[in-house]
Structure formats: C-alpha cells, structure tokens
N, C-alpha and C. Protein backbone atom coordinates (compact mmCIF):
# COMPACT_ATOMS: atom_id res chain seq x y z
N MET A 1 11.81 1.33 -53.98
CA MET A 1 12.74 0.49 -53.25
C MET A 1 12.03 -0.12 -52.05
N THR A 2 12.46 -1.26 -51.66
CA THR A 2 11.91 -1.93 -50.49
C THR A 2 12.82 -1.65 -49.29
N SER A 3 12.58 -2.35 -48.21
CA SER A 3 13.40 -2.15 -47.01
C SER A 3 14.82 -2.66 -47.23
N PHE A 4 15.73 -2.23 -46.36
CA PHE A 4 17.11 -2.68 -46.45
C PHE A 4 17.20 -4.18 -46.22
N GLY A 5 16.40 -4.69 -45.31
CA GLY A 5 16.36 -6.13 -45.06
C GLY A 5 15.93 -6.90 -46.29
N ASN A 6 14.94 -6.37 -47.00
CA ASN A 6 14.48 -7.03 -48.22
C ASN A 6 15.55 -6.95 -49.31
N PHE A 7 16.27 -5.85 -49.36
CA PHE A 7 17.39 -5.72 -50.29
C PHE A 7 18.41 -6.83 -50.03
N ILE A 8 18.75 -7.06 -48.76
CA ILE A 8 19.69 -8.12 -48.41
C ILE A 8 19.16 -9.47 -48.85
N LYS A 9 17.89 -9.72 -48.58
CA LYS A 9 17.27 -11.00 -48.96
C LYS A 9 17.33 -11.21 -50.47
N MET A 10 16.99 -10.19 -51.24
CA MET A 10 17.00 -10.32 -52.70
C MET A 10 18.41 -10.59 -53.22
N GLU A 11 19.40 -9.87 -52.68
CA GLU A 11 20.78 -10.07 -53.11
C GLU A 11 21.29 -11.46 -52.71
N ARG A 12 20.91 -11.90 -51.53
CA ARG A 12 21.31 -13.23 -51.06
C ARG A 12 20.70 -14.31 -51.94
N GLU A 13 19.41 -14.18 -52.23
CA GLU A 13 18.73 -15.18 -53.05
C GLU A 13 19.24 -15.17 -54.49
N LYS A 14 19.62 -14.00 -55.00
CA LYS A 14 20.20 -13.92 -56.35
C LYS A 14 21.43 -14.81 -56.46
N ARG A 15 22.15 -14.91 -55.37
CA ARG A 15 23.38 -15.70 -55.35
C ARG A 15 23.13 -17.15 -54.93
N GLU A 16 21.86 -17.44 -54.66
CA GLU A 16 21.42 -18.78 -54.24
C GLU A 16 22.09 -19.22 -52.94
N TRP A 17 22.25 -18.27 -52.02
CA TRP A 17 22.80 -18.57 -50.71
C TRP A 17 21.66 -18.76 -49.73
N THR A 18 21.80 -19.71 -48.84
CA THR A 18 20.85 -19.84 -47.74
C THR A 18 21.19 -18.75 -46.72
N GLN A 19 20.30 -18.58 -45.76
CA GLN A 19 20.60 -17.63 -44.68
C GLN A 19 21.83 -18.09 -43.90
N THR A 20 22.01 -19.38 -43.78
CA THR A 20 23.19 -19.92 -43.09
C THR A 20 24.46 -19.62 -43.88
N ASP A 21 24.41 -19.83 -45.21
CA ASP A 21 25.57 -19.51 -46.07
C ASP A 21 25.95 -18.04 -45.93
N PHE A 22 24.95 -17.18 -46.08
CA PHE A 22 25.20 -15.75 -46.01
C PHE A 22 25.70 -15.35 -44.62
N GLY A 23 25.07 -15.89 -43.58
CA GLY A 23 25.47 -15.58 -42.22
C GLY A 23 26.92 -15.94 -41.94
N ALA A 24 27.36 -17.09 -42.49
CA ALA A 24 28.75 -17.50 -42.31
C ALA A 24 29.70 -16.52 -42.99
N ARG A 25 29.30 -15.97 -44.12
CA ARG A 25 30.15 -15.02 -44.85
C ARG A 25 30.28 -13.68 -44.11
N ILE A 26 29.19 -13.27 -43.46
CA ILE A 26 29.19 -11.94 -42.84
C ILE A 26 29.37 -11.99 -41.32
N GLY A 27 29.34 -13.19 -40.74
CA GLY A 27 29.56 -13.33 -39.31
C GLY A 27 28.33 -13.05 -38.46
N ILE A 28 27.17 -13.44 -38.98
CA ILE A 28 25.91 -13.27 -38.25
C ILE A 28 25.17 -14.61 -38.33
N ASN A 29 24.57 -15.07 -37.23
CA ASN A 29 23.89 -16.35 -37.28
C ASN A 29 22.61 -16.27 -38.12
N SER A 30 22.14 -17.41 -38.59
CA SER A 30 21.01 -17.46 -39.52
C SER A 30 19.72 -16.92 -38.90
N SER A 31 19.57 -17.08 -37.60
CA SER A 31 18.39 -16.55 -36.91
C SER A 31 18.36 -15.02 -37.01
N ALA A 32 19.52 -14.41 -36.80
CA ALA A 32 19.61 -12.94 -36.91
C ALA A 32 19.41 -12.50 -38.35
N ILE A 33 19.93 -13.26 -39.32
CA ILE A 33 19.72 -12.92 -40.74
C ILE A 33 18.24 -12.92 -41.04
N SER A 34 17.52 -13.92 -40.56
CA SER A 34 16.07 -13.98 -40.77
C SER A 34 15.38 -12.74 -40.21
N ARG A 35 15.75 -12.33 -39.02
CA ARG A 35 15.14 -11.15 -38.39
C ARG A 35 15.50 -9.87 -39.14
N ILE A 36 16.72 -9.78 -39.65
CA ILE A 36 17.13 -8.61 -40.44
C ILE A 36 16.30 -8.55 -41.72
N GLU A 37 16.16 -9.67 -42.37
CA GLU A 37 15.42 -9.70 -43.64
C GLU A 37 13.94 -9.39 -43.46
N ASN A 38 13.36 -9.79 -42.33
CA ASN A 38 11.93 -9.50 -42.13
C ASN A 38 11.69 -8.19 -41.38
N GLY A 39 12.77 -7.47 -41.08
CA GLY A 39 12.62 -6.13 -40.52
C GLY A 39 12.46 -6.04 -39.02
N THR A 40 12.63 -7.13 -38.29
CA THR A 40 12.50 -7.07 -36.84
C THR A 40 13.82 -6.84 -36.13
N LYS A 41 14.92 -6.86 -36.88
CA LYS A 41 16.25 -6.57 -36.33
C LYS A 41 16.97 -5.66 -37.32
N LYS A 42 17.69 -4.69 -36.79
CA LYS A 42 18.44 -3.75 -37.63
C LYS A 42 19.79 -4.34 -38.01
N PHE A 43 20.21 -4.04 -39.22
CA PHE A 43 21.53 -4.44 -39.69
C PHE A 43 22.54 -3.48 -39.07
N SER A 44 23.70 -3.99 -38.71
CA SER A 44 24.72 -3.17 -38.05
C SER A 44 25.46 -2.29 -39.06
N VAL A 45 25.55 -1.02 -38.77
CA VAL A 45 26.27 -0.09 -39.62
C VAL A 45 27.75 -0.48 -39.75
N SER A 46 28.28 -1.14 -38.72
CA SER A 46 29.69 -1.54 -38.74
C SER A 46 29.97 -2.64 -39.77
N LYS A 47 28.94 -3.28 -40.28
CA LYS A 47 29.12 -4.36 -41.27
C LYS A 47 28.80 -3.92 -42.70
N LEU A 48 28.54 -2.64 -42.91
CA LEU A 48 28.18 -2.18 -44.26
C LEU A 48 29.28 -2.40 -45.28
N LYS A 49 30.52 -2.11 -44.92
CA LYS A 49 31.64 -2.29 -45.85
C LYS A 49 31.80 -3.77 -46.21
N LEU A 50 31.72 -4.62 -45.21
CA LEU A 50 31.81 -6.06 -45.45
C LEU A 50 30.66 -6.52 -46.36
N LEU A 51 29.47 -6.00 -46.12
CA LEU A 51 28.32 -6.36 -46.95
C LEU A 51 28.55 -5.97 -48.40
N SER A 52 29.06 -4.77 -48.63
CA SER A 52 29.34 -4.34 -50.00
C SER A 52 30.40 -5.23 -50.65
N ASP A 53 31.39 -5.65 -49.88
CA ASP A 53 32.41 -6.56 -50.40
C ASP A 53 31.82 -7.93 -50.74
N ILE A 54 31.01 -8.46 -49.85
CA ILE A 54 30.41 -9.78 -50.06
C ILE A 54 29.51 -9.78 -51.29
N PHE A 55 28.74 -8.70 -51.46
CA PHE A 55 27.84 -8.60 -52.61
C PHE A 55 28.54 -8.03 -53.84
N ASP A 56 29.82 -7.67 -53.71
CA ASP A 56 30.60 -7.08 -54.80
C ASP A 56 29.86 -5.87 -55.39
N MET A 57 29.49 -4.96 -54.47
CA MET A 57 28.76 -3.76 -54.84
C MET A 57 29.52 -2.54 -54.37
N ASP A 58 29.24 -1.42 -54.99
CA ASP A 58 29.83 -0.15 -54.58
C ASP A 58 29.39 0.16 -53.15
N SER A 59 30.35 0.45 -52.28
CA SER A 59 30.03 0.70 -50.88
C SER A 59 29.15 1.94 -50.71
N GLN A 60 29.29 2.93 -51.60
CA GLN A 60 28.44 4.12 -51.50
C GLN A 60 26.98 3.75 -51.74
N LYS A 61 26.73 2.87 -52.69
CA LYS A 61 25.35 2.44 -52.97
C LYS A 61 24.76 1.72 -51.76
N VAL A 62 25.53 0.84 -51.15
CA VAL A 62 25.05 0.11 -49.98
C VAL A 62 24.79 1.08 -48.83
N ASN A 63 25.71 2.03 -48.59
CA ASN A 63 25.50 3.04 -47.55
C ASN A 63 24.24 3.85 -47.82
N ASP A 64 24.06 4.28 -49.07
CA ASP A 64 22.88 5.07 -49.43
C ASP A 64 21.59 4.30 -49.16
N LEU A 65 21.57 3.03 -49.55
CA LEU A 65 20.37 2.21 -49.32
C LEU A 65 20.10 2.04 -47.83
N PHE A 66 21.15 1.80 -47.06
CA PHE A 66 21.00 1.61 -45.61
C PHE A 66 20.44 2.86 -44.94
N PHE A 67 21.08 4.01 -45.22
CA PHE A 67 20.65 5.24 -44.53
C PHE A 67 19.34 5.79 -45.07
N ALA A 68 19.05 5.58 -46.34
CA ALA A 68 17.75 5.98 -46.88
C ALA A 68 16.64 5.20 -46.20
N ASP A 69 16.86 3.90 -46.00
CA ASP A 69 15.87 3.08 -45.31
C ASP A 69 15.69 3.54 -43.87
N LYS A 70 16.82 3.79 -43.22
CA LYS A 70 16.78 4.24 -41.82
C LYS A 70 16.00 5.56 -41.70
N PHE A 71 16.30 6.49 -42.59
CA PHE A 71 15.62 7.79 -42.57
C PHE A 71 14.12 7.64 -42.87
N ALA A 72 13.80 6.84 -43.88
CA ALA A 72 12.40 6.64 -44.25
C ALA A 72 11.61 5.99 -43.12
N GLN A 73 12.23 5.03 -42.44
CA GLN A 73 11.56 4.38 -41.30
C GLN A 73 11.25 5.39 -40.19
N GLU A 74 12.20 6.25 -39.89
CA GLU A 74 11.98 7.27 -38.87
C GLU A 74 10.90 8.27 -39.29
N ALA A 75 10.94 8.68 -40.55
CA ALA A 75 9.93 9.63 -41.05
C ALA A 75 8.54 9.01 -40.97
N TYR A 76 8.44 7.75 -41.32
CA TYR A 76 7.15 7.05 -41.25
C TYR A 76 6.69 6.90 -39.80
N LYS A 77 7.61 6.52 -38.94
CA LYS A 77 7.30 6.32 -37.52
C LYS A 77 6.70 7.58 -36.88
N TYR A 78 7.25 8.73 -37.26
CA TYR A 78 6.79 9.98 -36.68
C TYR A 78 5.77 10.72 -37.54
N LYS A 79 5.24 10.02 -38.53
CA LYS A 79 4.17 10.54 -39.39
C LYS A 79 4.53 11.87 -40.06
N CYS A 80 5.76 11.94 -40.56
CA CYS A 80 6.21 13.14 -41.26
C CYS A 80 5.56 13.20 -42.64
N SER A 81 5.37 14.40 -43.14
CA SER A 81 4.84 14.56 -44.49
C SER A 81 5.95 14.28 -45.50
N ASP A 82 5.59 14.15 -46.76
CA ASP A 82 6.59 13.93 -47.81
C ASP A 82 7.56 15.10 -47.92
N ASN A 83 7.16 16.26 -47.42
CA ASN A 83 8.02 17.44 -47.47
C ASN A 83 9.31 17.24 -46.67
N VAL A 84 9.30 16.32 -45.71
CA VAL A 84 10.50 16.08 -44.91
C VAL A 84 11.68 15.67 -45.79
N PHE A 85 11.41 15.00 -46.90
CA PHE A 85 12.50 14.56 -47.77
C PHE A 85 13.12 15.75 -48.53
N VAL A 86 12.29 16.71 -48.88
CA VAL A 86 12.79 17.92 -49.53
C VAL A 86 13.64 18.72 -48.53
N VAL A 87 13.14 18.86 -47.32
CA VAL A 87 13.87 19.58 -46.28
C VAL A 87 15.19 18.87 -45.98
N ALA A 88 15.16 17.55 -45.89
CA ALA A 88 16.37 16.78 -45.61
C ALA A 88 17.40 16.94 -46.72
N GLU A 89 16.94 16.99 -47.96
CA GLU A 89 17.87 17.19 -49.07
C GLU A 89 18.55 18.55 -48.96
N GLY A 90 17.77 19.57 -48.61
CA GLY A 90 18.35 20.89 -48.41
C GLY A 90 19.34 20.92 -47.26
N THR A 91 19.01 20.25 -46.18
CA THR A 91 19.90 20.17 -45.03
C THR A 91 21.20 19.44 -45.40
N ALA A 92 21.08 18.35 -46.13
CA ALA A 92 22.27 17.59 -46.56
C ALA A 92 23.16 18.45 -47.46
N THR A 93 22.55 19.21 -48.35
CA THR A 93 23.32 20.10 -49.22
C THR A 93 24.07 21.14 -48.39
N TYR A 94 23.37 21.70 -47.41
CA TYR A 94 24.00 22.68 -46.52
C TYR A 94 25.18 22.05 -45.76
N LEU A 95 24.96 20.87 -45.19
CA LEU A 95 26.03 20.21 -44.43
C LEU A 95 27.24 19.90 -45.30
N ARG A 96 26.99 19.48 -46.53
CA ARG A 96 28.12 19.23 -47.44
C ARG A 96 28.87 20.51 -47.74
N SER A 97 28.15 21.62 -47.88
CA SER A 97 28.80 22.89 -48.23
C SER A 97 29.66 23.42 -47.09
N ILE A 98 29.24 23.25 -45.85
CA ILE A 98 30.05 23.76 -44.74
C ILE A 98 31.21 22.84 -44.41
N ASN A 99 31.15 21.62 -44.89
CA ASN A 99 32.23 20.67 -44.63
C ASN A 99 33.20 20.56 -45.80
N THR A 100 33.01 21.38 -46.83
CA THR A 100 33.91 21.36 -47.97
C THR A 100 35.20 22.06 -47.59
N LYS A 101 36.32 21.42 -47.88
CA LYS A 101 37.60 22.04 -47.59
C LYS A 101 37.83 23.15 -48.59
N GLN A 102 38.27 24.27 -48.10
CA GLN A 102 38.55 25.40 -48.96
C GLN A 102 40.01 25.37 -49.38
N GLY A 103 40.22 25.63 -50.64
CA GLY A 103 41.58 25.66 -51.18
C GLY A 103 42.32 26.90 -50.70
N ILE A 104 43.62 26.83 -50.75
CA ILE A 104 44.45 27.97 -50.35
C ILE A 104 44.87 28.70 -51.62
N ILE A 105 44.61 29.98 -51.63
CA ILE A 105 44.99 30.80 -52.79
C ILE A 105 46.21 31.62 -52.39
N ASN A 106 47.23 31.50 -53.18
CA ASN A 106 48.46 32.22 -52.90
C ASN A 106 48.52 33.44 -53.83
N PHE A 107 48.45 34.64 -53.26
CA PHE A 107 48.46 35.86 -54.04
C PHE A 107 49.85 36.50 -54.12
N GLU A 108 50.83 35.86 -53.55
CA GLU A 108 52.19 36.40 -53.57
C GLU A 108 52.82 36.17 -54.94
N ASN A 109 53.62 37.15 -55.37
CA ASN A 109 54.37 36.97 -56.62
C ASN A 109 55.57 36.08 -56.33
N GLU A 110 55.82 35.19 -57.22
CA GLU A 110 56.97 34.30 -57.02
C GLU A 110 58.17 34.83 -57.71
C-alpha cells in the first residue's frame, strides 16, 4: 500500500476528478488537496466519513487505511523495527478484549 495521500489521489483520478472538483466535494481547497496528496499536509480525521461517502467505500476500510498510514509514518519516523507491528497487533487485541461488553447471565429459575 502507498500513503493515504496517494490513496486519495488514485481514487480521485479513477473518477476523473480534478483536485478542484474533489476539493469542492469534500470542502477543502485545491491547494490543500495537492499538499495532502503529496504528503506535506495531513488529512483531517474529522473528514474520514465524508471521504468514504464521496468515494462510495466502506468507512471501516477508509479508517483502516488512514490509521495504518499514520501508524506506519510514526514507526518510520522513530526508526522502529518491523517487530513494532507485531507488538501493536497484540496491543490492539488486548484493547479490544478489555473493551468487550460482557453479557449478563441470569442464573435464577423463572
């Protein structure tokens, strides 16, 4: 996978939209779209749902791509080994397990 900005560029170009066309749809000027696509500006997390709607994509997929890119950029910035991804997967599994709602079991006879 490439960067999140490149993902946006590829999806935009697939639809044959200019940066101005796309910017008008998502509420960002074309200059900012250019910077997002080339990686010098971050895409706003608050616009992820709108982005998934505009591209007619599953919002979970768009979220996953956004946060995977964000995490990979940080790991690269701090020169983490590839093992960081294994550790992060374990941490994510742990966090999901502690945040799982537990069902209520009723042991009373009715």
